[in-house]
Amino acid sequence: VKMAFDRDGEKTDISVNAYEDINIITGALKLYLRDLPVPVISY
């Protein structure tokens, strides 16, 4: 999912057809937030 977002941006398919397990989508969101150089709650 991460690679797809990096490659396709808002055209990324994260629908049930692409990823049936919703925990993959929650995982991708958590990873996005953890990967930020400055966290959402900034230093």
PDB file of all heavy atoms in Angstrom:
ATOM      1  N   VAL A   1       0.846  -1.193   0.000  1.00  0.00           N
ATOM      2  CA  VAL A   1       0.000   0.000   0.000  1.00  0.00           C
ATOM      3  C   VAL A   1       0.888   1.251   0.000  1.00  0.00           C
ATOM      4  O   VAL A   1       0.660   2.192  -0.761  1.00  0.00           O
ATOM      5  CB  VAL A   1      -0.958   0.029   1.220  1.00  0.00           C
ATOM      6  CG1 VAL A   1      -1.753   1.334   1.249  1.00  0.00           C
ATOM      7  CG2 VAL A   1      -1.901  -1.172   1.187  1.00  0.00           C
ATOM      8  N   LYS A   2       1.921   1.222   0.828  1.00  0.00           N
ATOM      9  CA  LYS A   2       2.857   2.356   0.890  1.00  0.00           C
ATOM     10  C   LYS A   2       3.468   2.617  -0.492  1.00  0.00           C
ATOM     11  O   LYS A   2       3.498   3.754  -0.974  1.00  0.00           O
ATOM     12  CB  LYS A   2       3.950   2.046   1.915  1.00  0.00           C
ATOM     13  CG  LYS A   2       5.111   3.023   1.910  1.00  0.00           C
ATOM     14  CD  LYS A   2       6.186   2.604   2.905  1.00  0.00           C
ATOM     15  CE  LYS A   2       7.441   3.442   2.735  1.00  0.00           C
ATOM     16  NZ  LYS A   2       8.377   3.276   3.857  1.00  0.00           N
ATOM     17  N   MET A   3       3.941   1.567  -1.144  1.00  0.00           N
ATOM     18  CA  MET A   3       4.559   1.722  -2.461  1.00  0.00           C
ATOM     19  C   MET A   3       3.548   2.227  -3.487  1.00  0.00           C
ATOM     20  O   MET A   3       3.875   3.045  -4.343  1.00  0.00           O
ATOM     21  CB  MET A   3       5.208   0.405  -2.915  1.00  0.00           C
ATOM     22  CG  MET A   3       6.525   0.202  -2.210  1.00  0.00           C
ATOM     23  SD  MET A   3       7.392  -1.373  -2.438  1.00  0.00           S
ATOM     24  CE  MET A   3       6.429  -2.355  -3.499  1.00  0.00           C
ATOM     25  N   ALA A   4       2.310   1.749  -3.365  1.00  0.00           N
ATOM     26  CA  ALA A   4       1.262   2.191  -4.285  1.00  0.00           C
ATOM     27  C   ALA A   4       0.981   3.691  -4.110  1.00  0.00           C
ATOM     28  O   ALA A   4       0.861   4.420  -5.095  1.00  0.00           O
ATOM     29  CB  ALA A   4      -0.010   1.376  -4.063  1.00  0.00           C
ATOM     30  N   PHE A   5       0.898   4.152  -2.866  1.00  0.00           N
ATOM     31  CA  PHE A   5       0.670   5.583  -2.618  1.00  0.00           C
ATOM     32  C   PHE A   5       1.836   6.418  -3.154  1.00  0.00           C
ATOM     33  O   PHE A   5       1.632   7.476  -3.745  1.00  0.00           O
ATOM     34  CB  PHE A   5       0.468   5.869  -1.125  1.00  0.00           C
ATOM     35  CG  PHE A   5      -0.966   5.771  -0.680  1.00  0.00           C
ATOM     36  CD1 PHE A   5      -1.347   4.839   0.287  1.00  0.00           C
ATOM     37  CD2 PHE A   5      -1.936   6.620  -1.198  1.00  0.00           C
ATOM     38  CE1 PHE A   5      -2.679   4.751   0.710  1.00  0.00           C
ATOM     39  CE2 PHE A   5      -3.263   6.549  -0.779  1.00  0.00           C
ATOM     40  CZ  PHE A   5      -3.628   5.600   0.176  1.00  0.00           C
ATOM     41  N   ASP A   6       3.066   5.928  -2.941  1.00  0.00           N
ATOM     42  CA  ASP A   6       4.233   6.655  -3.445  1.00  0.00           C
ATOM     43  C   ASP A   6       4.216   6.728  -4.968  1.00  0.00           C
ATOM     44  O   ASP A   6       4.670   7.700  -5.564  1.00  0.00           O
ATOM     45  CB  ASP A   6       5.531   5.988  -2.963  1.00  0.00           C
ATOM     46  CG  ASP A   6       5.886   6.375  -1.521  1.00  0.00           C
ATOM     47  OD1 ASP A   6       5.318   7.363  -1.025  1.00  0.00           O
ATOM     48  OD2 ASP A   6       6.724   5.698  -0.910  1.00  0.00           O
ATOM     49  N   ARG A   7       3.693   5.684  -5.596  1.00  0.00           N
ATOM     50  CA  ARG A   7       3.714   5.596  -7.059  1.00  0.00           C
ATOM     51  C   ARG A   7       2.483   6.266  -7.691  1.00  0.00           C
ATOM     52  O   ARG A   7       2.590   7.019  -8.651  1.00  0.00           O
ATOM     53  CB  ARG A   7       3.773   4.117  -7.457  1.00  0.00           C
ATOM     54  CG  ARG A   7       4.046   3.839  -8.943  1.00  0.00           C
ATOM     55  CD  ARG A   7       3.996   2.339  -9.222  1.00  0.00           C
ATOM     56  NE  ARG A   7       2.693   1.765  -8.872  1.00  0.00           N
ATOM     57  CZ  ARG A   7       2.532   0.736  -8.006  1.00  0.00           C
ATOM     58  NH1 ARG A   7       3.575   0.186  -7.410  1.00  0.00           N
ATOM     59  NH2 ARG A   7       1.325   0.285  -7.744  1.00  0.00           N
ATOM     60  N   ASP A   8       1.301   5.975  -7.151  1.00  0.00           N
ATOM     61  CA  ASP A   8       0.051   6.361  -7.810  1.00  0.00           C
ATOM     62  C   ASP A   8      -0.707   7.494  -7.116  1.00  0.00           C
ATOM     63  O   ASP A   8      -1.728   7.944  -7.627  1.00  0.00           O
ATOM     64  CB  ASP A   8      -0.887   5.145  -7.920  1.00  0.00           C
ATOM     65  CG  ASP A   8      -0.212   3.966  -8.612  1.00  0.00           C
ATOM     66  OD1 ASP A   8       0.625   4.211  -9.499  1.00  0.00           O
ATOM     67  OD2 ASP A   8      -0.511   2.807  -8.256  1.00  0.00           O
ATOM     68  N   GLY A   9      -0.254   7.895  -5.931  1.00  0.00           N
ATOM     69  CA  GLY A   9      -0.932   8.985  -5.228  1.00  0.00           C
ATOM     70  C   GLY A   9      -2.406   8.703  -5.015  1.00  0.00           C
ATOM     71  O   GLY A   9      -2.780   7.601  -4.607  1.00  0.00           O
ATOM     72  N   GLU A  10      -3.249   9.691  -5.345  1.00  0.00           N
ATOM     73  CA  GLU A  10      -4.684   9.526  -5.054  1.00  0.00           C
ATOM     74  C   GLU A  10      -5.381   8.521  -5.969  1.00  0.00           C
ATOM     75  O   GLU A  10      -6.550   8.214  -5.761  1.00  0.00           O
ATOM     76  CB  GLU A  10      -5.422  10.868  -5.061  1.00  0.00           C
ATOM     77  CG  GLU A  10      -5.335  11.665  -6.324  1.00  0.00           C
ATOM     78  CD  GLU A  10      -4.137  12.600  -6.340  1.00  0.00           C
ATOM     79  OE1 GLU A  10      -3.229  12.445  -5.504  1.00  0.00           O
ATOM     80  OE2 GLU A  10      -4.113  13.495  -7.206  1.00  0.00           O
ATOM     81  N   LYS A  11      -4.656   7.991  -6.969  1.00  0.00           N
ATOM     82  CA  LYS A  11      -5.263   6.953  -7.822  1.00  0.00           C
ATOM     83  C   LYS A  11      -5.115   5.560  -7.198  1.00  0.00           C
ATOM     84  O   LYS A  11      -5.580   4.565  -7.759  1.00  0.00           O
ATOM     85  CB  LYS A  11      -4.626   6.967  -9.205  1.00  0.00           C
ATOM     86  CG  LYS A  11      -4.877   8.255  -9.983  1.00  0.00           C
ATOM     87  CD  LYS A  11      -4.415   8.104 -11.433  1.00  0.00           C
ATOM     88  CE  LYS A  11      -4.227   9.448 -12.107  1.00  0.00           C
ATOM     89  NZ  LYS A  11      -3.102  10.221 -11.536  1.00  0.00           N
ATOM     90  N   THR A  12      -4.446   5.483  -6.047  1.00  0.00           N
ATOM     91  CA  THR A  12      -4.205   4.195  -5.391  1.00  0.00           C
ATOM     92  C   THR A  12      -5.518   3.481  -5.071  1.00  0.00           C
ATOM     93  O   THR A  12      -6.454   4.097  -4.548  1.00  0.00           O
ATOM     94  CB  THR A  12      -3.409   4.418  -4.081  1.00  0.00           C
ATOM     95  OG1 THR A  12      -2.226   5.154  -4.421  1.00  0.00           O
ATOM     96  CG2 THR A  12      -3.004   3.106  -3.437  1.00  0.00           C
ATOM     97  N   ASP A  13      -5.562   2.206  -5.385  1.00  0.00           N
ATOM     98  CA  ASP A  13      -6.759   1.400  -5.095  1.00  0.00           C
ATOM     99  C   ASP A  13      -6.587   0.707  -3.747  1.00  0.00           C
ATOM    100  O   ASP A  13      -5.755  -0.189  -3.597  1.00  0.00           O
ATOM    101  CB  ASP A  13      -6.954   0.345  -6.205  1.00  0.00           C
ATOM    102  CG  ASP A  13      -8.197  -0.515  -5.970  1.00  0.00           C
ATOM    103  OD1 ASP A  13      -8.984  -0.201  -5.042  1.00  0.00           O
ATOM    104  OD2 ASP A  13      -8.374  -1.506  -6.702  1.00  0.00           O
ATOM    105  N   ILE A  14      -7.349   1.156  -2.746  1.00  0.00           N
ATOM    106  CA  ILE A  14      -7.289   0.487  -1.434  1.00  0.00           C
ATOM    107  C   ILE A  14      -8.653  -0.115  -1.106  1.00  0.00           C
ATOM    108  O   ILE A  14      -8.984  -0.367   0.052  1.00  0.00           O
ATOM    109  CB  ILE A  14      -6.817   1.446  -0.305  1.00  0.00           C
ATOM    110  CG1 ILE A  14      -7.661   2.729  -0.261  1.00  0.00           C
ATOM    111  CG2 ILE A  14      -5.338   1.770  -0.447  1.00  0.00           C
ATOM    112  CD1 ILE A  14      -7.421   3.593   0.968  1.00  0.00           C
ATOM    113  N   SER A  15      -9.443  -0.360  -2.166  1.00  0.00           N
ATOM    114  CA  SER A  15     -10.784  -0.908  -1.973  1.00  0.00           C
ATOM    115  C   SER A  15     -10.712  -2.362  -1.507  1.00  0.00           C
ATOM    116  O   SER A  15      -9.644  -2.978  -1.511  1.00  0.00           O
ATOM    117  CB  SER A  15     -11.561  -0.841  -3.282  1.00  0.00           C
ATOM    118  OG  SER A  15     -11.005  -1.783  -4.192  1.00  0.00           O
ATOM    119  N   VAL A  16     -11.876  -2.897  -1.160  1.00  0.00           N
ATOM    120  CA  VAL A  16     -11.963  -4.286  -0.701  1.00  0.00           C
ATOM    121  C   VAL A  16     -11.468  -5.262  -1.790  1.00  0.00           C
ATOM    122  O   VAL A  16     -10.938  -6.327  -1.489  1.00  0.00           O
ATOM    123  CB  VAL A  16     -13.412  -4.610  -0.227  1.00  0.00           C
ATOM    124  CG1 VAL A  16     -14.388  -4.631  -1.402  1.00  0.00           C
ATOM    125  CG2 VAL A  16     -13.451  -5.913   0.566  1.00  0.00           C
ATOM    126  N   ASN A  17     -11.594  -4.873  -3.043  1.00  0.00           N
ATOM    127  CA  ASN A  17     -11.108  -5.737  -4.132  1.00  0.00           C
ATOM    128  C   ASN A  17      -9.586  -5.860  -4.106  1.00  0.00           C
ATOM    129  O   ASN A  17      -9.032  -6.903  -4.440  1.00  0.00           O
ATOM    130  CB  ASN A  17     -11.496  -5.179  -5.506  1.00  0.00           C
ATOM    131  CG  ASN A  17     -12.957  -4.771  -5.559  1.00  0.00           C
ATOM    132  OD1 ASN A  17     -13.783  -5.332  -4.836  1.00  0.00           O
ATOM    133  ND2 ASN A  17     -13.279  -3.779  -6.373  1.00  0.00           N
ATOM    134  N   ALA A  18      -8.930  -4.757  -3.721  1.00  0.00           N
ATOM    135  CA  ALA A  18      -7.466  -4.753  -3.686  1.00  0.00           C
ATOM    136  C   ALA A  18      -6.938  -5.349  -2.385  1.00  0.00           C
ATOM    137  O   ALA A  18      -5.992  -6.131  -2.391  1.00  0.00           O
ATOM    138  CB  ALA A  18      -6.947  -3.338  -3.881  1.00  0.00           C
ATOM    139  N   TYR A  19      -7.543  -4.973  -1.284  1.00  0.00           N
ATOM    140  CA  TYR A  19      -7.097  -5.433   0.050  1.00  0.00           C
ATOM    141  C   TYR A  19      -8.320  -5.784   0.876  1.00  0.00           C
ATOM    142  O   TYR A  19      -8.977  -4.905   1.421  1.00  0.00           O
ATOM    143  CB  TYR A  19      -6.284  -4.343   0.755  1.00  0.00           C
ATOM    144  CG  TYR A  19      -5.072  -3.907  -0.036  1.00  0.00           C
ATOM    145  CD1 TYR A  19      -5.112  -2.753  -0.819  1.00  0.00           C
ATOM    146  CD2 TYR A  19      -3.892  -4.661  -0.026  1.00  0.00           C
ATOM    147  CE1 TYR A  19      -4.013  -2.357  -1.564  1.00  0.00           C
ATOM    148  CE2 TYR A  19      -2.787  -4.271  -0.769  1.00  0.00           C
ATOM    149  CZ  TYR A  19      -2.848  -3.120  -1.536  1.00  0.00           C
ATOM    150  OH  TYR A  19      -1.766  -2.740  -2.275  1.00  0.00           O
ATOM    151  N   GLU A  20      -8.588  -7.047   0.958  1.00  0.00           N
ATOM    152  CA  GLU A  20      -9.802  -7.489   1.647  1.00  0.00           C
ATOM    153  C   GLU A  20      -9.724  -7.236   3.151  1.00  0.00           C
ATOM    154  O   GLU A  20     -10.715  -6.888   3.789  1.00  0.00           O
ATOM    155  CB  GLU A  20     -10.001  -8.990   1.381  1.00  0.00           C
ATOM    156  CG  GLU A  20     -11.431  -9.437   1.606  1.00  0.00           C
ATOM    157  CD  GLU A  20     -11.611 -10.926   1.320  1.00  0.00           C
ATOM    158  OE1 GLU A  20     -10.823 -11.484   0.519  1.00  0.00           O
ATOM    159  OE2 GLU A  20     -12.521 -11.518   1.917  1.00  0.00           O
ATOM    160  N   ASP A  21      -8.519  -7.402   3.709  1.00  0.00           N
ATOM    161  CA  ASP A  21      -8.333  -7.269   5.152  1.00  0.00           C
ATOM    162  C   ASP A  21      -8.205  -5.789   5.528  1.00  0.00           C
ATOM    163  O   ASP A  21      -7.238  -5.133   5.148  1.00  0.00           O
ATOM    164  CB  ASP A  21      -7.072  -8.048   5.562  1.00  0.00           C
ATOM    165  CG  ASP A  21      -6.781  -7.947   7.051  1.00  0.00           C
ATOM    166  OD1 ASP A  21      -7.616  -7.392   7.800  1.00  0.00           O
ATOM    167  OD2 ASP A  21      -5.707  -8.428   7.478  1.00  0.00           O
ATOM    168  N   ILE A  22      -9.151  -5.275   6.304  1.00  0.00           N
ATOM    169  CA  ILE A  22      -9.147  -3.854   6.676  1.00  0.00           C
ATOM    170  C   ILE A  22      -7.913  -3.504   7.514  1.00  0.00           C
ATOM    171  O   ILE A  22      -7.469  -2.360   7.539  1.00  0.00           O
ATOM    172  CB  ILE A  22     -10.457  -3.462   7.417  1.00  0.00           C
ATOM    173  CG1 ILE A  22     -10.657  -1.929   7.406  1.00  0.00           C
ATOM    174  CG2 ILE A  22     -10.486  -3.985   8.855  1.00  0.00           C
ATOM    175  CD1 ILE A  22     -10.843  -1.319   6.042  1.00  0.00           C
ATOM    176  N   ASN A  23      -7.330  -4.514   8.194  1.00  0.00           N
ATOM    177  CA  ASN A  23      -6.150  -4.242   9.030  1.00  0.00           C
ATOM    178  C   ASN A  23      -4.938  -3.828   8.189  1.00  0.00           C
ATOM    179  O   ASN A  23      -3.980  -3.256   8.709  1.00  0.00           O
ATOM    180  CB  ASN A  23      -5.815  -5.451   9.894  1.00  0.00           C
ATOM    181  CG  ASN A  23      -6.975  -5.817  10.814  1.00  0.00           C
ATOM    182  OD1 ASN A  23      -7.576  -4.948  11.445  1.00  0.00           O
ATOM    183  ND2 ASN A  23      -7.326  -7.086  10.870  1.00  0.00           N
ATOM    184  N   ILE A  24      -4.970  -4.125   6.901  1.00  0.00           N
ATOM    185  CA  ILE A  24      -3.895  -3.665   6.009  1.00  0.00           C
ATOM    186  C   ILE A  24      -4.011  -2.154   5.831  1.00  0.00           C
ATOM    187  O   ILE A  24      -3.012  -1.428   5.815  1.00  0.00           O
ATOM    188  CB  ILE A  24      -3.953  -4.400   4.649  1.00  0.00           C
ATOM    189  CG1 ILE A  24      -3.630  -5.878   4.861  1.00  0.00           C
ATOM    190  CG2 ILE A  24      -3.003  -3.768   3.626  1.00  0.00           C
ATOM    191  CD1 ILE A  24      -4.019  -6.769   3.689  1.00  0.00           C
ATOM    192  N   ILE A  25      -5.252  -1.678   5.724  1.00  0.00           N
ATOM    193  CA  ILE A  25      -5.474  -0.237   5.532  1.00  0.00           C
ATOM    194  C   ILE A  25      -5.150   0.528   6.824  1.00  0.00           C
ATOM    195  O   ILE A  25      -4.516   1.586   6.777  1.00  0.00           O
ATOM    196  CB  ILE A  25      -6.923   0.059   5.060  1.00  0.00           C
ATOM    197  CG1 ILE A  25      -7.312  -0.842   3.870  1.00  0.00           C
ATOM    198  CG2 ILE A  25      -7.094   1.533   4.720  1.00  0.00           C
ATOM    199  CD1 ILE A  25      -6.390  -0.775   2.667  1.00  0.00           C
ATOM    200  N   THR A  26      -5.555  -0.011   7.976  1.00  0.00           N
ATOM    201  CA  THR A  26      -5.205   0.664   9.244  1.00  0.00           C
ATOM    202  C   THR A  26      -3.685   0.637   9.416  1.00  0.00           C
ATOM    203  O   THR A  26      -3.087   1.607   9.896  1.00  0.00           O
ATOM    204  CB  THR A  26      -5.870   0.004  10.476  1.00  0.00           C
ATOM    205  OG1 THR A  26      -5.455  -1.363  10.573  1.00  0.00           O
ATOM    206  CG2 THR A  26      -7.385   0.078  10.410  1.00  0.00           C
ATOM    207  N   GLY A  27      -3.058  -0.447   8.988  1.00  0.00           N
ATOM    208  CA  GLY A  27      -1.592  -0.564   9.082  1.00  0.00           C
ATOM    209  C   GLY A  27      -0.901   0.469   8.210  1.00  0.00           C
ATOM    210  O   GLY A  27       0.098   1.078   8.608  1.00  0.00           O
ATOM    211  N   ALA A  28      -1.447   0.675   7.007  1.00  0.00           N
ATOM    212  CA  ALA A  28      -0.858   1.649   6.079  1.00  0.00           C
ATOM    213  C   ALA A  28      -0.990   3.072   6.630  1.00  0.00           C
ATOM    214  O   ALA A  28      -0.079   3.895   6.487  1.00  0.00           O
ATOM    215  CB  ALA A  28      -1.534   1.550   4.721  1.00  0.00           C
ATOM    216  N   LEU A  29      -2.123   3.358   7.274  1.00  0.00           N
ATOM    217  CA  LEU A  29      -2.321   4.679   7.873  1.00  0.00           C
ATOM    218  C   LEU A  29      -1.367   4.893   9.043  1.00  0.00           C
ATOM    219  O   LEU A  29      -0.721   5.942   9.151  1.00  0.00           O
ATOM    220  CB  LEU A  29      -3.778   4.843   8.329  1.00  0.00           C
ATOM    221  CG  LEU A  29      -4.117   6.159   9.041  1.00  0.00           C
ATOM    222  CD1 LEU A  29      -3.821   7.380   8.166  1.00  0.00           C
ATOM    223  CD2 LEU A  29      -5.585   6.181   9.476  1.00  0.00           C
ATOM    224  N   LYS A  30      -1.247   3.889   9.918  1.00  0.00           N
ATOM    225  CA  LYS A  30      -0.330   4.010  11.063  1.00  0.00           C
ATOM    226  C   LYS A  30       1.112   4.183  10.588  1.00  0.00           C
ATOM    227  O   LYS A  30       1.866   4.987  11.142  1.00  0.00           O
ATOM    228  CB  LYS A  30      -0.440   2.787  11.984  1.00  0.00           C
ATOM    229  CG  LYS A  30      -1.727   2.749  12.803  1.00  0.00           C
ATOM    230  CD  LYS A  30      -1.723   1.614  13.825  1.00  0.00           C
ATOM    231  CE  LYS A  30      -1.733   0.242  13.178  1.00  0.00           C
ATOM    232  NZ  LYS A  30      -1.875  -0.848  14.171  1.00  0.00           N
ATOM    233  N   LEU A  31       1.480   3.427   9.543  1.00  0.00           N
ATOM    234  CA  LEU A  31       2.844   3.520   9.006  1.00  0.00           C
ATOM    235  C   LEU A  31       3.104   4.916   8.433  1.00  0.00           C
ATOM    236  O   LEU A  31       4.164   5.498   8.649  1.00  0.00           O
ATOM    237  CB  LEU A  31       3.063   2.453   7.921  1.00  0.00           C
ATOM    238  CG  LEU A  31       4.455   2.431   7.280  1.00  0.00           C
ATOM    239  CD1 LEU A  31       5.534   2.096   8.307  1.00  0.00           C
ATOM    240  CD2 LEU A  31       4.502   1.417   6.126  1.00  0.00           C
ATOM    241  N   TYR A  32       2.114   5.442   7.722  1.00  0.00           N
ATOM    242  CA  TYR A  32       2.258   6.790   7.172  1.00  0.00           C
ATOM    243  C   TYR A  32       2.551   7.792   8.299  1.00  0.00           C
ATOM    244  O   TYR A  32       3.455   8.618   8.211  1.00  0.00           O
ATOM    245  CB  TYR A  32       0.992   7.220   6.400  1.00  0.00           C
ATOM    246  CG  TYR A  32       1.059   8.675   6.034  1.00  0.00           C
ATOM    247  CD1 TYR A  32       1.888   9.098   4.993  1.00  0.00           C
ATOM    248  CD2 TYR A  32       0.398   9.644   6.787  1.00  0.00           C
ATOM    249  CE1 TYR A  32       2.041  10.451   4.707  1.00  0.00           C
ATOM    250  CE2 TYR A  32       0.541  10.988   6.503  1.00  0.00           C
ATOM    251  CZ  TYR A  32       1.371  11.388   5.467  1.00  0.00           C
ATOM    252  OH  TYR A  32       1.537  12.715   5.199  1.00  0.00           O
ATOM    253  N   LEU A  33       1.773   7.707   9.371  1.00  0.00           N
ATOM    254  CA  LEU A  33       1.916   8.648  10.488  1.00  0.00           C
ATOM    255  C   LEU A  33       3.251   8.465  11.212  1.00  0.00           C
ATOM    256  O   LEU A  33       3.889   9.436  11.611  1.00  0.00           O
ATOM    257  CB  LEU A  33       0.743   8.495  11.462  1.00  0.00           C
ATOM    258  CG  LEU A  33      -0.647   8.813  10.878  1.00  0.00           C
ATOM    259  CD1 LEU A  33      -1.753   8.352  11.819  1.00  0.00           C
ATOM    260  CD2 LEU A  33      -0.797  10.305  10.564  1.00  0.00           C
ATOM    261  N   ARG A  34       3.678   7.201  11.344  1.00  0.00           N
ATOM    262  CA  ARG A  34       4.971   6.927  12.005  1.00  0.00           C
ATOM    263  C   ARG A  34       6.158   7.367  11.172  1.00  0.00           C
ATOM    264  O   ARG A  34       7.202   7.714  11.708  1.00  0.00           O
ATOM    265  CB  ARG A  34       5.115   5.424  12.283  1.00  0.00           C
ATOM    266  CG  ARG A  34       4.433   4.948  13.551  1.00  0.00           C
ATOM    267  CD  ARG A  34       5.039   3.631  14.005  1.00  0.00           C
ATOM    268  NE  ARG A  34       4.970   2.604  12.971  1.00  0.00           N
ATOM    269  CZ  ARG A  34       3.931   1.795  12.787  1.00  0.00           C
ATOM    270  NH1 ARG A  34       2.863   1.895  13.560  1.00  0.00           N
ATOM    271  NH2 ARG A  34       3.955   0.877  11.842  1.00  0.00           N
ATOM    272  N   ASP A  35       5.998   7.331   9.842  1.00  0.00           N
ATOM    273  CA  ASP A  35       7.098   7.670   8.927  1.00  0.00           C
ATOM    274  C   ASP A  35       7.315   9.163   8.750  1.00  0.00           C
ATOM    275  O   ASP A  35       8.284   9.569   8.117  1.00  0.00           O
ATOM    276  CB  ASP A  35       6.822   7.072   7.537  1.00  0.00           C
ATOM    277  CG  ASP A  35       7.402   5.668   7.388  1.00  0.00           C
ATOM    278  OD1 ASP A  35       8.000   5.171   8.355  1.00  0.00           O
ATOM    279  OD2 ASP A  35       7.248   5.086   6.303  1.00  0.00           O
ATOM    280  N   LEU A  36       6.406   9.999   9.264  1.00  0.00           N
ATOM    281  CA  LEU A  36       6.559  11.443   9.073  1.00  0.00           C
ATOM    282  C   LEU A  36       7.867  11.927   9.698  1.00  0.00           C
ATOM    283  O   LEU A  36       8.177  11.559  10.836  1.00  0.00           O
ATOM    284  CB  LEU A  36       5.394  12.200   9.722  1.00  0.00           C
ATOM    285  CG  LEU A  36       4.045  12.104   9.026  1.00  0.00           C
ATOM    286  CD1 LEU A  36       2.953  12.685   9.922  1.00  0.00           C
ATOM    287  CD2 LEU A  36       4.065  12.815   7.678  1.00  0.00           C
ATOM    288  N   PRO A  37       8.636  12.749   8.988  1.00  0.00           N
ATOM    289  CA  PRO A  37       9.882  13.267   9.570  1.00  0.00           C
ATOM    290  C   PRO A  37       9.621  14.100  10.821  1.00  0.00           C
ATOM    291  O   PRO A  37      10.387  14.049  11.778  1.00  0.00           O
ATOM    292  CB  PRO A  37      10.494  14.127   8.463  1.00  0.00           C
ATOM    293  CG  PRO A  37       9.611  14.030   7.283  1.00  0.00           C
ATOM    294  CD  PRO A  37       8.413  13.194   7.600  1.00  0.00           C
ATOM    295  N   VAL A  38       8.542  14.866  10.804  1.00  0.00           N
ATOM    296  CA  VAL A  38       8.089  15.574  12.011  1.00  0.00           C
ATOM    297  C   VAL A  38       6.736  14.979  12.352  1.00  0.00           C
ATOM    298  O   VAL A  38       5.821  14.989  11.531  1.00  0.00           O
ATOM    299  CB  VAL A  38       7.958  17.093  11.773  1.00  0.00           C
ATOM    300  CG1 VAL A  38       7.411  17.779  13.021  1.00  0.00           C
ATOM    301  CG2 VAL A  38       9.303  17.691  11.372  1.00  0.00           C
ATOM    302  N   PRO A  39       6.580  14.405  13.556  1.00  0.00           N
ATOM    303  CA  PRO A  39       5.312  13.741  13.907  1.00  0.00           C
ATOM    304  C   PRO A  39       4.128  14.706  13.842  1.00  0.00           C
ATOM    305  O   PRO A  39       4.322  15.923  13.847  1.00  0.00           O
ATOM    306  CB  PRO A  39       5.544  13.274  15.353  1.00  0.00           C
ATOM    307  CG  PRO A  39       6.999  13.377  15.608  1.00  0.00           C
ATOM    308  CD  PRO A  39       7.546  14.396  14.670  1.00  0.00           C
ATOM    309  N   VAL A  40       2.918  14.142  13.805  1.00  0.00           N
ATOM    310  CA  VAL A  40       1.712  14.981  13.761  1.00  0.00           C
ATOM    311  C   VAL A  40       1.717  15.953  14.944  1.00  0.00           C
ATOM    312  O   VAL A  40       1.472  17.145  14.793  1.00  0.00           O
ATOM    313  CB  VAL A  40       0.424  14.128  13.751  1.00  0.00           C
ATOM    314  CG1 VAL A  40      -0.813  15.025  13.815  1.00  0.00           C
ATOM    315  CG2 VAL A  40       0.373  13.257  12.493  1.00  0.00           C
ATOM    316  N   ILE A  41       2.005  15.437  16.144  1.00  0.00           N
ATOM    317  CA  ILE A  41       2.231  16.328  17.284  1.00  0.00           C
ATOM    318  C   ILE A  41       3.707  16.682  17.231  1.00  0.00           C
ATOM    319  O   ILE A  41       4.567  15.872  17.557  1.00  0.00           O
ATOM    320  CB  ILE A  41       1.802  15.668  18.607  1.00  0.00           C
ATOM    321  CG1 ILE A  41       0.258  15.588  18.614  1.00  0.00           C
ATOM    322  CG2 ILE A  41       2.316  16.454  19.811  1.00  0.00           C
ATOM    323  CD1 ILE A  41      -0.350  14.942  19.822  1.00  0.00           C
ATOM    324  N   SER A  42       3.992  17.878  16.728  1.00  0.00           N
ATOM    325  CA  SER A  42       5.356  18.254  16.348  1.00  0.00           C
ATOM    326  C   SER A  42       6.284  18.314  17.566  1.00  0.00           C
ATOM    327  O   SER A  42       5.840  18.445  18.702  1.00  0.00           O
ATOM    328  CB  SER A  42       5.339  19.609  15.646  1.00  0.00           C
ATOM    329  OG  SER A  42       4.898  20.600  16.556  1.00  0.00           O
ATOM    330  N   TYR A  43       7.580  18.207  17.286  1.00  0.00           N
ATOM    331  CA  TYR A  43       8.573  18.245  18.365  1.00  0.00           C
ATOM    332  C   TYR A  43       8.465  19.534  19.176  1.00  0.00           C
ATOM    333  O   TYR A  43       8.592  19.522  20.396  1.00  0.00           O
ATOM    334  CB  TYR A  43       9.988  18.113  17.794  1.00  0.00           C
ATOM    335  CG  TYR A  43      10.267  16.770  17.158  1.00  0.00           C
ATOM    336  CD1 TYR A  43      10.666  16.675  15.827  1.00  0.00           C
ATOM    337  CD2 TYR A  43      10.121  15.594  17.905  1.00  0.00           C
ATOM    338  CE1 TYR A  43      10.924  15.432  15.247  1.00  0.00           C
ATOM    339  CE2 TYR A  43      10.374  14.355  17.330  1.00  0.00           C
ATOM    340  CZ  TYR A  43      10.774  14.276  16.005  1.00  0.00           C
ATOM    341  OH  TYR A  43      11.021  13.052  15.448  1.00  0.00           O
TER     342      TYR A  43
END
